Amino acid sequence: MGKLNYLVIHCLATPKGREITKEDIEQWHLEERGWSRVGYSDLVHIDGELENLIEFDQDDTVDSWEISNGAKGYNGIARHIAYVGGASSTKQPWMRSYPPEDTRTKEQNYTLEQYVRFMILRHPDIKVIGHNEISNKSCPSYNVGKWLREIGIKNKNIGL
């Protein structure tokens, strides 16, 4: 539990075009991995619909009931938003998983942009980062800092 410092952007690393439900994420994180909470606060579906996975009161404190398990060391000071996709729809037989690919739809981009802008408006000092900036992963399969600059987000809100 701490001050809300970060908005971490994730992808589900699921193949392009494959929709995923809240129940799928709950099964992966709670049942299969044995986590106490899901890894994302909110989810952006392929059609751009925003779905809340863990309630929050939008103040500057991450309360214990608001924590999601998105990135070790950051969970008590961050919100975690994920978009459905983030991986190619094809893979070679020798590959363990689908290769990373930026699969955001225009609808997902719109929702992510509005979400980021809202979070910065509510929390002017928040830093927006990609999961890959704090973990050895390709998630969210694109350069978050570059995208944020392209949509006009101020440097003070970008990166660590």
N, C-alpha and C. Protein backbone atom coordinates (compact mmCIF):
# COMPACT_ATOMS: atom_id res chain seq x y z
N MET A 1 0.84 -1.17 0.00
CA MET A 1 0.00 0.00 0.00
C MET A 1 0.89 1.24 0.00
N GLY A 2 0.63 2.14 -0.94
CA GLY A 2 1.45 3.33 -1.03
C GLY A 2 0.83 4.37 -1.93
N LYS A 3 1.60 5.40 -2.22
CA LYS A 3 1.17 6.46 -3.11
C LYS A 3 1.14 5.93 -4.55
N LEU A 4 0.12 6.29 -5.29
CA LEU A 4 0.02 5.90 -6.69
C LEU A 4 1.04 6.68 -7.50
N ASN A 5 2.08 6.00 -7.95
CA ASN A 5 3.17 6.64 -8.70
C ASN A 5 3.19 6.26 -10.18
N TYR A 6 2.66 5.08 -10.52
CA TYR A 6 2.83 4.56 -11.88
C TYR A 6 1.52 4.03 -12.47
N LEU A 7 1.43 4.18 -13.76
CA LEU A 7 0.45 3.46 -14.57
C LEU A 7 1.28 2.58 -15.48
N VAL A 8 1.12 1.28 -15.33
CA VAL A 8 1.90 0.32 -16.11
C VAL A 8 1.01 -0.26 -17.21
N ILE A 9 1.48 -0.16 -18.44
CA ILE A 9 0.72 -0.69 -19.58
C ILE A 9 1.26 -2.08 -19.92
N HIS A 10 0.32 -3.01 -20.07
CA HIS A 10 0.61 -4.42 -20.37
C HIS A 10 -0.15 -4.85 -21.62
N CYS A 11 0.22 -6.02 -22.12
CA CYS A 11 -0.60 -6.74 -23.09
C CYS A 11 -0.85 -8.12 -22.50
N LEU A 12 -1.81 -8.83 -23.04
CA LEU A 12 -2.06 -10.19 -22.56
C LEU A 12 -1.14 -11.21 -23.21
N ALA A 13 -0.41 -10.79 -24.25
CA ALA A 13 0.46 -11.69 -25.02
C ALA A 13 -0.36 -12.83 -25.64
N THR A 14 -1.56 -12.49 -26.06
CA THR A 14 -2.44 -13.44 -26.73
C THR A 14 -2.42 -13.14 -28.23
N PRO A 15 -2.68 -14.16 -29.05
CA PRO A 15 -2.63 -13.96 -30.50
C PRO A 15 -3.60 -12.91 -31.00
N LYS A 16 -3.15 -12.20 -32.00
CA LYS A 16 -3.96 -11.16 -32.65
C LYS A 16 -5.33 -11.69 -33.01
N GLY A 17 -6.37 -10.93 -32.62
CA GLY A 17 -7.74 -11.28 -32.98
C GLY A 17 -8.44 -12.23 -32.02
N ARG A 18 -7.74 -12.77 -31.04
CA ARG A 18 -8.37 -13.70 -30.09
C ARG A 18 -8.85 -12.91 -28.88
N GLU A 19 -10.16 -12.83 -28.70
CA GLU A 19 -10.73 -12.09 -27.57
C GLU A 19 -10.55 -12.92 -26.29
N ILE A 20 -10.38 -12.23 -25.20
CA ILE A 20 -10.17 -12.84 -23.90
C ILE A 20 -11.15 -12.20 -22.93
N THR A 21 -11.64 -12.98 -21.98
CA THR A 21 -12.60 -12.47 -21.01
C THR A 21 -11.95 -12.28 -19.64
N LYS A 22 -12.65 -11.57 -18.80
CA LYS A 22 -12.23 -11.41 -17.40
C LYS A 22 -12.10 -12.79 -16.75
N GLU A 23 -13.01 -13.68 -17.07
CA GLU A 23 -12.99 -15.03 -16.51
C GLU A 23 -11.74 -15.79 -16.95
N ASP A 24 -11.31 -15.60 -18.20
CA ASP A 24 -10.07 -16.22 -18.67
C ASP A 24 -8.88 -15.76 -17.83
N ILE A 25 -8.81 -14.46 -17.59
CA ILE A 25 -7.71 -13.90 -16.81
C ILE A 25 -7.76 -14.42 -15.38
N GLU A 26 -8.94 -14.47 -14.80
CA GLU A 26 -9.08 -15.01 -13.45
C GLU A 26 -8.61 -16.46 -13.39
N GLN A 27 -8.94 -17.25 -14.39
CA GLN A 27 -8.49 -18.64 -14.42
C GLN A 27 -6.97 -18.71 -14.50
N TRP A 28 -6.37 -17.94 -15.42
CA TRP A 28 -4.91 -17.95 -15.57
C TRP A 28 -4.20 -17.55 -14.29
N HIS A 29 -4.64 -16.44 -13.71
CA HIS A 29 -3.91 -15.87 -12.57
C HIS A 29 -4.28 -16.52 -11.24
N LEU A 30 -5.56 -16.73 -10.99
CA LEU A 30 -5.98 -17.24 -9.69
C LEU A 30 -5.91 -18.76 -9.61
N GLU A 31 -6.44 -19.43 -10.61
CA GLU A 31 -6.48 -20.88 -10.56
C GLU A 31 -5.18 -21.54 -11.01
N GLU A 32 -4.65 -21.15 -12.17
CA GLU A 32 -3.46 -21.80 -12.70
C GLU A 32 -2.17 -21.36 -12.01
N ARG A 33 -2.04 -20.07 -11.73
CA ARG A 33 -0.82 -19.57 -11.09
C ARG A 33 -0.92 -19.49 -9.57
N GLY A 34 -2.13 -19.56 -9.06
CA GLY A 34 -2.33 -19.52 -7.62
C GLY A 34 -2.15 -18.16 -6.98
N TRP A 35 -2.28 -17.10 -7.78
CA TRP A 35 -2.15 -15.75 -7.24
C TRP A 35 -3.39 -15.42 -6.41
N SER A 36 -3.25 -14.46 -5.52
CA SER A 36 -4.38 -14.03 -4.70
C SER A 36 -5.25 -13.02 -5.43
N ARG A 37 -4.66 -12.34 -6.43
CA ARG A 37 -5.38 -11.33 -7.21
C ARG A 37 -4.93 -11.41 -8.67
N VAL A 38 -5.76 -10.90 -9.57
CA VAL A 38 -5.37 -10.87 -10.98
C VAL A 38 -4.25 -9.84 -11.17
N GLY A 39 -3.58 -9.91 -12.31
CA GLY A 39 -2.43 -9.06 -12.57
C GLY A 39 -2.74 -7.69 -13.15
N TYR A 40 -3.97 -7.43 -13.49
CA TYR A 40 -4.31 -6.16 -14.13
C TYR A 40 -5.48 -5.51 -13.41
N SER A 41 -5.46 -4.20 -13.36
CA SER A 41 -6.56 -3.44 -12.77
C SER A 41 -7.70 -3.30 -13.76
N ASP A 42 -7.33 -3.08 -15.03
CA ASP A 42 -8.32 -2.83 -16.09
C ASP A 42 -7.89 -3.53 -17.37
N LEU A 43 -8.85 -3.78 -18.23
CA LEU A 43 -8.62 -4.51 -19.47
C LEU A 43 -9.27 -3.77 -20.63
N VAL A 44 -8.53 -3.65 -21.75
CA VAL A 44 -9.06 -3.04 -22.96
C VAL A 44 -9.28 -4.16 -23.99
N HIS A 45 -10.53 -4.39 -24.31
CA HIS A 45 -10.89 -5.44 -25.27
C HIS A 45 -10.58 -5.01 -26.70
N ILE A 46 -10.63 -5.94 -27.62
CA ILE A 46 -10.31 -5.69 -29.03
C ILE A 46 -11.18 -4.56 -29.61
N ASP A 47 -12.44 -4.51 -29.20
CA ASP A 47 -13.34 -3.48 -29.72
C ASP A 47 -13.20 -2.14 -28.99
N GLY A 48 -12.25 -2.06 -28.04
CA GLY A 48 -12.00 -0.83 -27.31
C GLY A 48 -12.77 -0.72 -26.01
N GLU A 49 -13.64 -1.67 -25.72
CA GLU A 49 -14.37 -1.63 -24.46
C GLU A 49 -13.40 -1.73 -23.29
N LEU A 50 -13.60 -0.89 -22.30
CA LEU A 50 -12.78 -0.90 -21.09
C LEU A 50 -13.53 -1.66 -20.01
N GLU A 51 -12.86 -2.65 -19.41
CA GLU A 51 -13.48 -3.44 -18.35
C GLU A 51 -12.61 -3.35 -17.10
N ASN A 52 -13.24 -2.96 -16.01
CA ASN A 52 -12.55 -2.88 -14.73
C ASN A 52 -12.44 -4.28 -14.14
N LEU A 53 -11.24 -4.67 -13.73
CA LEU A 53 -11.02 -5.98 -13.13
C LEU A 53 -10.86 -5.90 -11.62
N ILE A 54 -10.31 -4.79 -11.13
CA ILE A 54 -10.16 -4.56 -9.70
C ILE A 54 -10.63 -3.14 -9.41
N GLU A 55 -11.61 -3.02 -8.56
CA GLU A 55 -12.17 -1.71 -8.22
C GLU A 55 -11.11 -0.80 -7.61
N PHE A 56 -11.29 0.51 -7.77
CA PHE A 56 -10.42 1.48 -7.13
C PHE A 56 -11.19 2.77 -6.93
N ASP A 57 -10.74 3.56 -5.95
CA ASP A 57 -11.47 4.78 -5.60
C ASP A 57 -10.89 6.04 -6.24
N GLN A 58 -9.86 5.91 -7.05
CA GLN A 58 -9.25 6.98 -7.84
C GLN A 58 -8.56 8.06 -7.02
N ASP A 59 -8.26 7.77 -5.74
CA ASP A 59 -7.47 8.74 -5.00
C ASP A 59 -5.98 8.44 -5.25
N ASP A 60 -5.11 9.14 -4.53
CA ASP A 60 -3.67 9.01 -4.77
C ASP A 60 -3.00 7.88 -3.99
N THR A 61 -3.80 7.08 -3.30
CA THR A 61 -3.26 5.96 -2.52
C THR A 61 -3.74 4.65 -3.10
N VAL A 62 -2.82 3.69 -3.21
CA VAL A 62 -3.20 2.34 -3.62
C VAL A 62 -3.48 1.57 -2.34
N ASP A 63 -4.76 1.39 -2.04
CA ASP A 63 -5.17 0.65 -0.85
C ASP A 63 -4.99 -0.85 -1.09
N SER A 64 -4.96 -1.63 -0.03
CA SER A 64 -4.72 -3.07 -0.16
C SER A 64 -5.76 -3.74 -1.05
N TRP A 65 -7.00 -3.27 -1.02
CA TRP A 65 -8.05 -3.88 -1.84
C TRP A 65 -7.96 -3.47 -3.31
N GLU A 66 -7.08 -2.50 -3.64
CA GLU A 66 -6.92 -2.02 -5.02
C GLU A 66 -5.72 -2.65 -5.73
N ILE A 67 -4.93 -3.43 -5.02
CA ILE A 67 -3.69 -3.96 -5.58
C ILE A 67 -3.96 -5.06 -6.59
N SER A 68 -3.26 -4.99 -7.73
CA SER A 68 -3.25 -6.08 -8.70
C SER A 68 -1.81 -6.57 -8.80
N ASN A 69 -1.63 -7.79 -9.24
CA ASN A 69 -0.31 -8.42 -9.29
C ASN A 69 0.33 -8.27 -10.67
N GLY A 70 0.51 -7.03 -11.13
CA GLY A 70 1.00 -6.78 -12.47
C GLY A 70 2.50 -6.79 -12.64
N ALA A 71 3.26 -6.33 -11.64
CA ALA A 71 4.72 -6.26 -11.76
C ALA A 71 5.32 -6.22 -10.36
N LYS A 72 6.04 -7.25 -10.03
CA LYS A 72 6.65 -7.37 -8.71
C LYS A 72 7.43 -6.09 -8.36
N GLY A 73 7.21 -5.60 -7.16
CA GLY A 73 7.87 -4.40 -6.69
C GLY A 73 7.11 -3.11 -7.01
N TYR A 74 6.08 -3.21 -7.85
CA TYR A 74 5.32 -2.02 -8.26
C TYR A 74 3.83 -2.13 -7.91
N ASN A 75 3.40 -3.28 -7.46
CA ASN A 75 1.97 -3.50 -7.29
C ASN A 75 1.30 -2.58 -6.28
N GLY A 76 2.00 -2.22 -5.23
CA GLY A 76 1.43 -1.36 -4.21
C GLY A 76 1.50 0.12 -4.54
N ILE A 77 2.10 0.47 -5.69
CA ILE A 77 2.25 1.88 -6.07
C ILE A 77 1.83 2.12 -7.53
N ALA A 78 1.06 1.20 -8.10
CA ALA A 78 0.71 1.31 -9.53
C ALA A 78 -0.69 0.78 -9.81
N ARG A 79 -1.23 1.28 -10.93
CA ARG A 79 -2.38 0.66 -11.59
C ARG A 79 -1.81 -0.05 -12.80
N HIS A 80 -2.44 -1.14 -13.19
CA HIS A 80 -1.97 -1.93 -14.32
C HIS A 80 -3.12 -2.10 -15.31
N ILE A 81 -2.92 -1.60 -16.53
CA ILE A 81 -3.92 -1.76 -17.57
C ILE A 81 -3.33 -2.64 -18.67
N ALA A 82 -4.14 -3.55 -19.18
CA ALA A 82 -3.68 -4.46 -20.24
C ALA A 82 -4.64 -4.39 -21.42
N TYR A 83 -4.06 -4.58 -22.61
CA TYR A 83 -4.91 -4.70 -23.79
C TYR A 83 -4.89 -6.15 -24.26
N VAL A 84 -6.01 -6.60 -24.80
CA VAL A 84 -6.10 -7.95 -25.35
C VAL A 84 -5.25 -8.00 -26.61
N GLY A 85 -4.38 -8.98 -26.70
CA GLY A 85 -3.48 -9.13 -27.84
C GLY A 85 -2.04 -8.97 -27.41
N GLY A 86 -1.22 -8.51 -28.34
CA GLY A 86 0.19 -8.31 -28.05
C GLY A 86 1.08 -9.40 -28.60
N ALA A 87 0.49 -10.33 -29.34
CA ALA A 87 1.29 -11.41 -29.93
C ALA A 87 0.78 -11.71 -31.34
N SER A 88 1.68 -12.19 -32.16
CA SER A 88 1.34 -12.58 -33.52
C SER A 88 0.32 -13.71 -33.51
N SER A 89 -0.43 -13.83 -34.58
CA SER A 89 -1.40 -14.93 -34.67
C SER A 89 -0.78 -16.20 -35.24
N THR A 90 0.50 -16.13 -35.59
CA THR A 90 1.19 -17.32 -36.10
C THR A 90 2.48 -17.55 -35.33
N LYS A 91 2.82 -18.82 -35.21
CA LYS A 91 4.08 -19.18 -34.57
C LYS A 91 4.60 -20.45 -35.22
N GLN A 92 5.89 -20.61 -35.16
CA GLN A 92 6.54 -21.80 -35.69
C GLN A 92 6.38 -22.95 -34.69
N PRO A 93 6.35 -24.20 -35.16
CA PRO A 93 6.17 -25.34 -34.25
C PRO A 93 7.21 -25.42 -33.13
N TRP A 94 8.40 -24.91 -33.38
CA TRP A 94 9.45 -24.98 -32.37
C TRP A 94 9.34 -23.89 -31.31
N MET A 95 8.45 -22.93 -31.52
CA MET A 95 8.28 -21.83 -30.56
C MET A 95 7.38 -22.25 -29.41
N ARG A 96 7.73 -21.79 -28.20
CA ARG A 96 6.91 -22.06 -27.02
C ARG A 96 5.66 -21.19 -27.00
N SER A 97 5.79 -19.97 -27.49
CA SER A 97 4.66 -19.05 -27.45
C SER A 97 4.63 -18.22 -28.73
N TYR A 98 3.55 -17.51 -28.89
CA TYR A 98 3.40 -16.64 -30.05
C TYR A 98 4.37 -15.46 -29.92
N PRO A 99 5.04 -15.07 -31.01
CA PRO A 99 5.99 -13.96 -30.94
C PRO A 99 5.30 -12.62 -30.65
N PRO A 100 5.98 -11.73 -29.93
CA PRO A 100 5.41 -10.42 -29.63
C PRO A 100 5.08 -9.64 -30.90
N GLU A 101 3.97 -8.94 -30.86
CA GLU A 101 3.57 -8.07 -31.98
C GLU A 101 2.60 -7.02 -31.45
N ASP A 102 2.77 -5.81 -31.88
CA ASP A 102 1.85 -4.75 -31.51
C ASP A 102 0.56 -4.96 -32.29
N THR A 103 -0.45 -5.48 -31.62
CA THR A 103 -1.72 -5.81 -32.28
C THR A 103 -2.84 -4.85 -31.90
N ARG A 104 -2.52 -3.72 -31.29
CA ARG A 104 -3.57 -2.79 -30.86
C ARG A 104 -4.43 -2.36 -32.05
N THR A 105 -5.72 -2.41 -31.83
CA THR A 105 -6.66 -1.91 -32.84
C THR A 105 -6.81 -0.40 -32.64
N LYS A 106 -7.40 0.27 -33.63
CA LYS A 106 -7.62 1.71 -33.47
C LYS A 106 -8.53 1.98 -32.28
N GLU A 107 -9.46 1.08 -32.02
CA GLU A 107 -10.35 1.23 -30.87
C GLU A 107 -9.59 1.07 -29.55
N GLN A 108 -8.69 0.11 -29.51
CA GLN A 108 -7.87 -0.07 -28.30
C GLN A 108 -6.96 1.15 -28.08
N ASN A 109 -6.36 1.64 -29.16
CA ASN A 109 -5.51 2.83 -29.05
C ASN A 109 -6.30 4.02 -28.51
N TYR A 110 -7.51 4.20 -29.01
CA TYR A 110 -8.34 5.30 -28.55
C TYR A 110 -8.62 5.17 -27.05
N THR A 111 -9.03 3.98 -26.63
CA THR A 111 -9.34 3.76 -25.21
C THR A 111 -8.11 3.92 -24.34
N LEU A 112 -6.98 3.36 -24.77
CA LEU A 112 -5.75 3.52 -24.01
C LEU A 112 -5.36 4.99 -23.88
N GLU A 113 -5.48 5.73 -24.97
CA GLU A 113 -5.14 7.15 -24.92
C GLU A 113 -6.04 7.90 -23.94
N GLN A 114 -7.35 7.65 -24.00
CA GLN A 114 -8.28 8.31 -23.09
C GLN A 114 -7.99 7.92 -21.64
N TYR A 115 -7.68 6.67 -21.42
CA TYR A 115 -7.37 6.17 -20.08
C TYR A 115 -6.13 6.87 -19.53
N VAL A 116 -5.07 6.93 -20.34
CA VAL A 116 -3.83 7.60 -19.93
C VAL A 116 -4.10 9.07 -19.62
N ARG A 117 -4.81 9.74 -20.49
CA ARG A 117 -5.10 11.16 -20.27
C ARG A 117 -5.91 11.37 -18.99
N PHE A 118 -6.88 10.51 -18.75
CA PHE A 118 -7.68 10.60 -17.53
C PHE A 118 -6.80 10.40 -16.29
N MET A 119 -5.95 9.39 -16.33
CA MET A 119 -5.08 9.11 -15.17
C MET A 119 -4.14 10.28 -14.90
N ILE A 120 -3.61 10.90 -15.94
CA ILE A 120 -2.72 12.05 -15.76
C ILE A 120 -3.52 13.25 -15.23
N LEU A 121 -4.74 13.43 -15.70
CA LEU A 121 -5.58 14.51 -15.20
C LEU A 121 -5.87 14.32 -13.71
N ARG A 122 -6.20 13.10 -13.30
CA ARG A 122 -6.50 12.79 -11.89
C ARG A 122 -5.24 12.79 -11.03
N HIS A 123 -4.11 12.37 -11.62
CA HIS A 123 -2.86 12.19 -10.88
C HIS A 123 -1.73 12.85 -11.68
N PRO A 124 -1.60 14.16 -11.58
CA PRO A 124 -0.68 14.92 -12.44
C PRO A 124 0.78 14.48 -12.39
N ASP A 125 1.21 13.83 -11.33
CA ASP A 125 2.61 13.42 -11.22
C ASP A 125 2.84 11.95 -11.59
N ILE A 126 1.80 11.25 -12.02
CA ILE A 126 1.94 9.83 -12.34
C ILE A 126 2.89 9.63 -13.51
N LYS A 127 3.63 8.54 -13.48
CA LYS A 127 4.52 8.15 -14.58
C LYS A 127 3.87 6.98 -15.31
N VAL A 128 3.82 7.07 -16.62
CA VAL A 128 3.24 6.01 -17.45
C VAL A 128 4.39 5.23 -18.06
N ILE A 129 4.39 3.92 -17.84
CA ILE A 129 5.49 3.07 -18.31
C ILE A 129 4.94 1.79 -18.92
N GLY A 130 5.78 1.16 -19.76
CA GLY A 130 5.47 -0.16 -20.27
C GLY A 130 6.00 -1.20 -19.31
N HIS A 131 5.36 -2.34 -19.23
CA HIS A 131 5.80 -3.43 -18.38
C HIS A 131 7.26 -3.80 -18.68
N ASN A 132 7.64 -3.69 -19.97
CA ASN A 132 9.00 -4.03 -20.38
C ASN A 132 10.06 -3.09 -19.82
N GLU A 133 9.65 -1.97 -19.25
CA GLU A 133 10.61 -1.04 -18.65
C GLU A 133 11.01 -1.47 -17.24
N ILE A 134 10.24 -2.37 -16.63
CA ILE A 134 10.52 -2.81 -15.27
C ILE A 134 10.64 -4.32 -15.15
N SER A 135 10.62 -5.00 -16.28
CA SER A 135 10.69 -6.45 -16.30
C SER A 135 11.36 -6.90 -17.59
N ASN A 136 11.98 -8.03 -17.56
CA ASN A 136 12.64 -8.58 -18.75
C ASN A 136 11.61 -9.29 -19.62
N LYS A 137 10.67 -8.54 -20.13
CA LYS A 137 9.60 -9.06 -20.98
C LYS A 137 9.39 -8.12 -22.16
N SER A 138 8.75 -8.61 -23.21
CA SER A 138 8.45 -7.75 -24.35
C SER A 138 7.13 -7.00 -24.15
N CYS A 139 6.34 -7.40 -23.21
CA CYS A 139 5.06 -6.78 -22.88
C CYS A 139 5.24 -5.29 -22.63
N PRO A 140 4.51 -4.45 -23.30
CA PRO A 140 3.26 -4.62 -24.04
C PRO A 140 3.44 -4.75 -25.57
N SER A 141 4.61 -5.11 -26.02
CA SER A 141 4.90 -5.34 -27.44
C SER A 141 4.97 -4.06 -28.27
N TYR A 142 5.20 -2.93 -27.63
CA TYR A 142 5.46 -1.67 -28.34
C TYR A 142 6.19 -0.74 -27.39
N ASN A 143 6.74 0.33 -27.94
CA ASN A 143 7.49 1.31 -27.16
C ASN A 143 6.50 2.33 -26.59
N VAL A 144 6.21 2.19 -25.31
CA VAL A 144 5.20 3.05 -24.67
C VAL A 144 5.64 4.51 -24.68
N GLY A 145 6.90 4.79 -24.35
CA GLY A 145 7.39 6.17 -24.33
C GLY A 145 7.22 6.85 -25.68
N LYS A 146 7.58 6.15 -26.74
CA LYS A 146 7.45 6.71 -28.09
C LYS A 146 5.98 7.01 -28.40
N TRP A 147 5.10 6.06 -28.09
CA TRP A 147 3.67 6.25 -28.34
C TRP A 147 3.14 7.44 -27.54
N LEU A 148 3.53 7.55 -26.27
CA LEU A 148 3.06 8.65 -25.44
C LEU A 148 3.49 10.00 -26.01
N ARG A 149 4.72 10.08 -26.51
CA ARG A 149 5.18 11.32 -27.14
C ARG A 149 4.38 11.63 -28.39
N GLU A 150 4.06 10.60 -29.17
CA GLU A 150 3.28 10.78 -30.40
C GLU A 150 1.89 11.35 -30.11
N ILE A 151 1.31 11.00 -28.96
CA ILE A 151 -0.04 11.49 -28.65
C ILE A 151 0.02 12.75 -27.77
N GLY A 152 1.22 13.29 -27.57
CA GLY A 152 1.34 14.58 -26.91
C GLY A 152 1.41 14.57 -25.39
N ILE A 153 1.76 13.45 -24.81
CA ILE A 153 1.90 13.39 -23.35
C ILE A 153 3.22 14.06 -22.96
N LYS A 154 3.19 14.84 -21.89
CA LYS A 154 4.38 15.56 -21.43
C LYS A 154 5.45 14.60 -20.92
N ASN A 155 6.71 14.95 -21.14
CA ASN A 155 7.82 14.11 -20.72
C ASN A 155 7.81 13.82 -19.23
N LYS A 156 7.30 14.72 -18.41
CA LYS A 156 7.29 14.51 -16.96
C LYS A 156 6.42 13.30 -16.57
N ASN A 157 5.53 12.87 -17.47
CA ASN A 157 4.66 11.72 -17.19
C ASN A 157 5.10 10.45 -17.91
N ILE A 158 6.26 10.49 -18.57
CA ILE A 158 6.70 9.35 -19.37
C ILE A 158 7.92 8.69 -18.73
N GLY A 159 7.85 7.38 -18.56
CA GLY A 159 9.00 6.59 -18.11
C GLY A 159 9.26 6.69 -16.63
N LEU A 160 10.30 5.99 -16.24
CA LEU A 160 10.66 5.95 -14.82
C LEU A 160 11.24 7.27 -14.41
